[in-house]
Protein backbone atom coordinates (compact mmCIF):
# COMPACT_ATOMS: atom_id res chain seq x y z
CA MET A 1 -19.68 13.86 5.96
CA SER A 2 -20.50 10.24 5.11
CA GLU A 3 -20.00 11.01 1.39
CA LEU A 4 -16.58 12.51 2.14
CA GLU A 5 -15.59 9.48 4.22
CA ALA A 6 -16.67 7.11 1.45
CA SER A 7 -14.75 9.00 -1.24
CA ARG A 8 -11.30 7.95 -2.43
CA ASN A 9 -10.74 11.40 -3.90
CA PRO A 10 -7.79 13.08 -2.12
CA PHE A 11 -9.76 16.34 -2.05
CA ALA A 12 -12.26 14.64 0.26
CA THR A 13 -9.41 14.38 2.78
CA VAL A 14 -8.61 18.07 2.26
CA VAL A 15 -12.22 19.04 2.95
CA MET A 16 -12.35 16.74 5.98
CA ALA A 17 -9.18 18.36 7.36
CA HIS A 18 -10.70 21.81 6.97
CA LEU A 19 -13.94 20.73 8.67
CA ALA A 20 -11.97 19.14 11.51
CA ALA A 21 -9.97 22.35 11.95
CA VAL A 22 -13.16 24.38 12.28
CA GLN A 23 -14.92 21.87 14.54
CA THR A 24 -11.98 21.33 16.89
CA ARG A 25 -10.84 24.94 17.20
CA SER A 26 -11.38 24.95 20.97
CA ASN A 27 -10.70 21.28 21.71
CA ARG A 28 -7.06 20.35 21.07
CA SER A 29 -7.48 16.78 22.29
CA GLN A 30 -10.30 16.20 19.80
CA ARG A 31 -8.19 17.90 17.13
CA LYS A 32 -5.37 15.41 17.72
CA GLN A 33 -7.85 12.53 17.39
CA SER A 34 -9.30 13.99 14.18
CA LYS A 35 -5.80 14.44 12.78
CA LEU A 36 -4.96 10.83 13.63
CA ASN A 37 -8.18 9.60 12.01
CA LEU A 38 -7.31 11.46 8.80
CA VAL A 39 -3.82 9.96 8.73
CA ARG A 40 -5.25 6.49 9.35
CA ARG A 41 -7.61 7.07 6.43
CA LEU A 42 -4.68 7.84 4.12
CA TYR A 43 -2.89 4.65 5.10
CA GLU A 44 -6.02 2.55 4.68
CA GLN A 45 -6.80 3.96 1.26
CA GLY A 46 -3.34 3.11 -0.05
CA PHE A 47 -2.42 6.40 -1.69
CA GLU A 48 0.96 6.62 -3.43
CA ARG A 49 3.79 7.89 -1.23
CA GLU A 50 3.94 11.36 -2.84
CA ALA A 51 0.21 11.89 -2.35
CA VAL A 52 0.44 10.77 1.28
CA VAL A 53 3.34 13.13 2.00
CA ASN A 54 1.54 16.07 0.38
CA LEU A 55 -1.73 15.36 2.14
CA LEU A 56 0.03 14.87 5.48
CA ALA A 57 1.73 18.24 5.06
CA PHE A 58 -1.64 19.86 4.44
CA ILE A 59 -3.30 18.07 7.36
CA ASP A 60 -0.42 19.06 9.61
CA TRP A 61 -0.76 22.69 8.53
CA MET A 62 -4.55 22.71 9.00
CA LEU A 63 -4.61 20.86 12.32
CA THR A 64 -1.81 22.39 14.35
CA LEU A 65 -1.30 21.05 17.86
CA PRO A 66 0.59 22.18 20.95
CA LEU A 67 3.99 20.51 21.24
CA ASP A 68 2.94 17.93 23.87
CA LEU A 69 -0.04 16.76 21.78
CA GLU A 70 2.09 16.83 18.63
CA ARG A 71 4.52 14.42 20.28
CA GLU A 72 1.63 12.13 21.32
CA PHE A 73 0.29 12.33 17.77
CA GLN A 74 3.69 11.40 16.34
CA ARG A 75 3.98 8.37 18.64
CA GLU A 76 0.49 7.23 17.69
CA VAL A 77 1.26 7.57 13.98
CA GLU A 78 4.43 5.52 14.45
CA GLN A 79 2.37 2.88 16.25
CA LEU A 80 -0.21 2.95 13.46
CA GLU A 81 2.53 2.43 10.88
CA ALA A 82 3.92 -0.49 12.86
CA GLU A 83 0.47 -2.06 13.20
CA GLN A 84 -0.37 -1.56 9.55
CA ARG A 85 3.14 -2.62 8.51
CA MET A 86 2.77 0.02 5.83
CA GLN A 87 5.93 0.80 3.98
CA TYR A 88 5.58 3.38 1.29
CA VAL A 89 7.91 2.95 -1.63
CA THR A 90 8.21 5.10 -4.69
CA SER A 91 7.03 3.77 -8.02
CA PHE A 92 10.69 3.57 -9.09
CA GLU A 93 11.53 1.36 -6.10
CA ARG A 94 8.48 -0.83 -6.70
CA ILE A 95 9.33 -1.29 -10.39
CA ALA A 96 12.96 -2.11 -9.55
CA ARG A 97 11.81 -4.73 -7.01
CA MET A 98 9.44 -6.23 -9.54
CA GLU A 99 12.18 -6.42 -12.17
CA GLU A 100 14.55 -8.08 -9.69
CA LEU A 101 11.89 -10.62 -8.74
CA VAL A 102 11.15 -11.42 -12.38
CA GLU A 103 14.87 -11.98 -13.00
CA ALA A 104 15.05 -14.31 -9.97
CA ILE A 105 11.96 -16.16 -11.20
CA LYS A 106 13.49 -16.57 -14.68
CA LEU A 107 16.62 -18.07 -13.19
CA GLY A 108 14.62 -20.38 -10.92
CA LEU A 109 12.38 -21.51 -13.78
CA GLU A 110 15.30 -22.34 -16.02
CA LEU A 111 17.28 -24.12 -13.32
CA LYS A 112 14.38 -26.19 -12.02
CA PHE A 113 12.22 -26.82 -15.08
CA GLY A 114 14.53 -26.16 -18.04
CA PRO A 115 14.58 -23.50 -20.76
CA GLU A 116 11.04 -24.33 -21.98
CA ALA A 117 9.68 -23.05 -18.64
CA LEU A 118 10.74 -19.55 -19.69
CA ASN A 119 7.52 -19.49 -21.73
CA LEU A 120 5.86 -18.43 -18.45
CA VAL A 121 7.91 -15.24 -18.23
CA PRO A 122 5.53 -13.01 -20.28
CA GLU A 123 2.62 -14.03 -18.01
CA ILE A 124 4.65 -13.53 -14.86
CA SER A 125 6.07 -10.20 -16.09
CA SER A 126 2.55 -8.85 -16.44
CA LEU A 127 1.90 -9.28 -12.69
CA GLU A 128 1.91 -5.95 -10.87
CA ASP A 129 1.84 -7.16 -7.27
CA VAL A 130 5.24 -7.45 -5.56
CA GLU A 131 3.87 -9.89 -2.96
CA LEU A 132 2.44 -12.11 -5.68
CA LEU A 133 5.78 -12.11 -7.50
CA ARG A 134 7.46 -13.10 -4.23
CA ALA A 135 4.95 -15.94 -3.85
CA VAL A 136 5.79 -17.16 -7.36
CA ARG A 137 9.53 -16.95 -6.67
CA ASN A 138 9.09 -18.87 -3.42
CA GLY A 139 6.75 -21.33 -5.11
CA ILE A 140 9.53 -22.47 -7.41
CA LYS A 141 11.06 -24.28 -4.43
CA THR A 142 8.04 -26.49 -3.83
CA ALA A 143 6.28 -26.69 -7.21
CA THR A 144 6.80 -29.94 -9.02
CA THR A 145 5.43 -28.76 -12.38
CA VAL A 146 5.16 -25.50 -14.30
CA ASP A 147 1.35 -25.77 -14.13
CA GLU A 148 1.52 -26.04 -10.35
CA LEU A 149 3.56 -22.83 -10.29
CA ARG A 150 1.11 -21.14 -12.67
CA GLN A 151 -1.72 -21.89 -10.22
CA ILE A 152 -0.06 -19.66 -7.62
CA TYR A 153 -0.59 -16.51 -9.62
CA GLN A 154 -3.66 -17.50 -11.61
CA SER A 155 -5.71 -18.31 -8.52
CA SER A 156 -4.63 -15.06 -6.89
CA THR A 157 -5.49 -12.90 -9.89
CA THR A 158 -8.91 -14.53 -10.34
CA ASP A 159 -9.64 -14.06 -6.61
CA ASN A 160 -9.32 -10.31 -7.14
CA LEU A 161 -11.69 -10.04 -10.10
CA PRO A 162 -14.97 -8.22 -9.42
CA GLU A 163 -18.07 -10.36 -9.21
CA ASN A 164 -20.85 -9.89 -11.79
């Protein structure tokens, strides 16, 4: 079980759902908790929206609950989503947001630092984190130089590099 829990493979979640269904056959309260734990796992592992929806459908099918427990489960999942502030967006939505942010950054760079600041655009366009792009866009307001702005995304990308 510890190997399944450590795995990021979606099939580990499928196997865990099956095991939970077998183990909780006669204990509906425990089944609800197992189902909630599996959903929490999906949110924490950051699967793409389509994978989450498909896995949730399977988990829901494997771990059926009486209506009263299903309602409790639904409330707890809504609470979990609120706590996690997880908002799943499709890859199309994410790409569109990134493109909009890059356009806003281009405009901000040119207005604040002049046309030569557009030399940063290829670097900034290569960023794949929407929150980091937002930080760069917001950083234009307070940065006094292009290098100061560059530090916003360079320090963040080097913080995420694996250690040797």
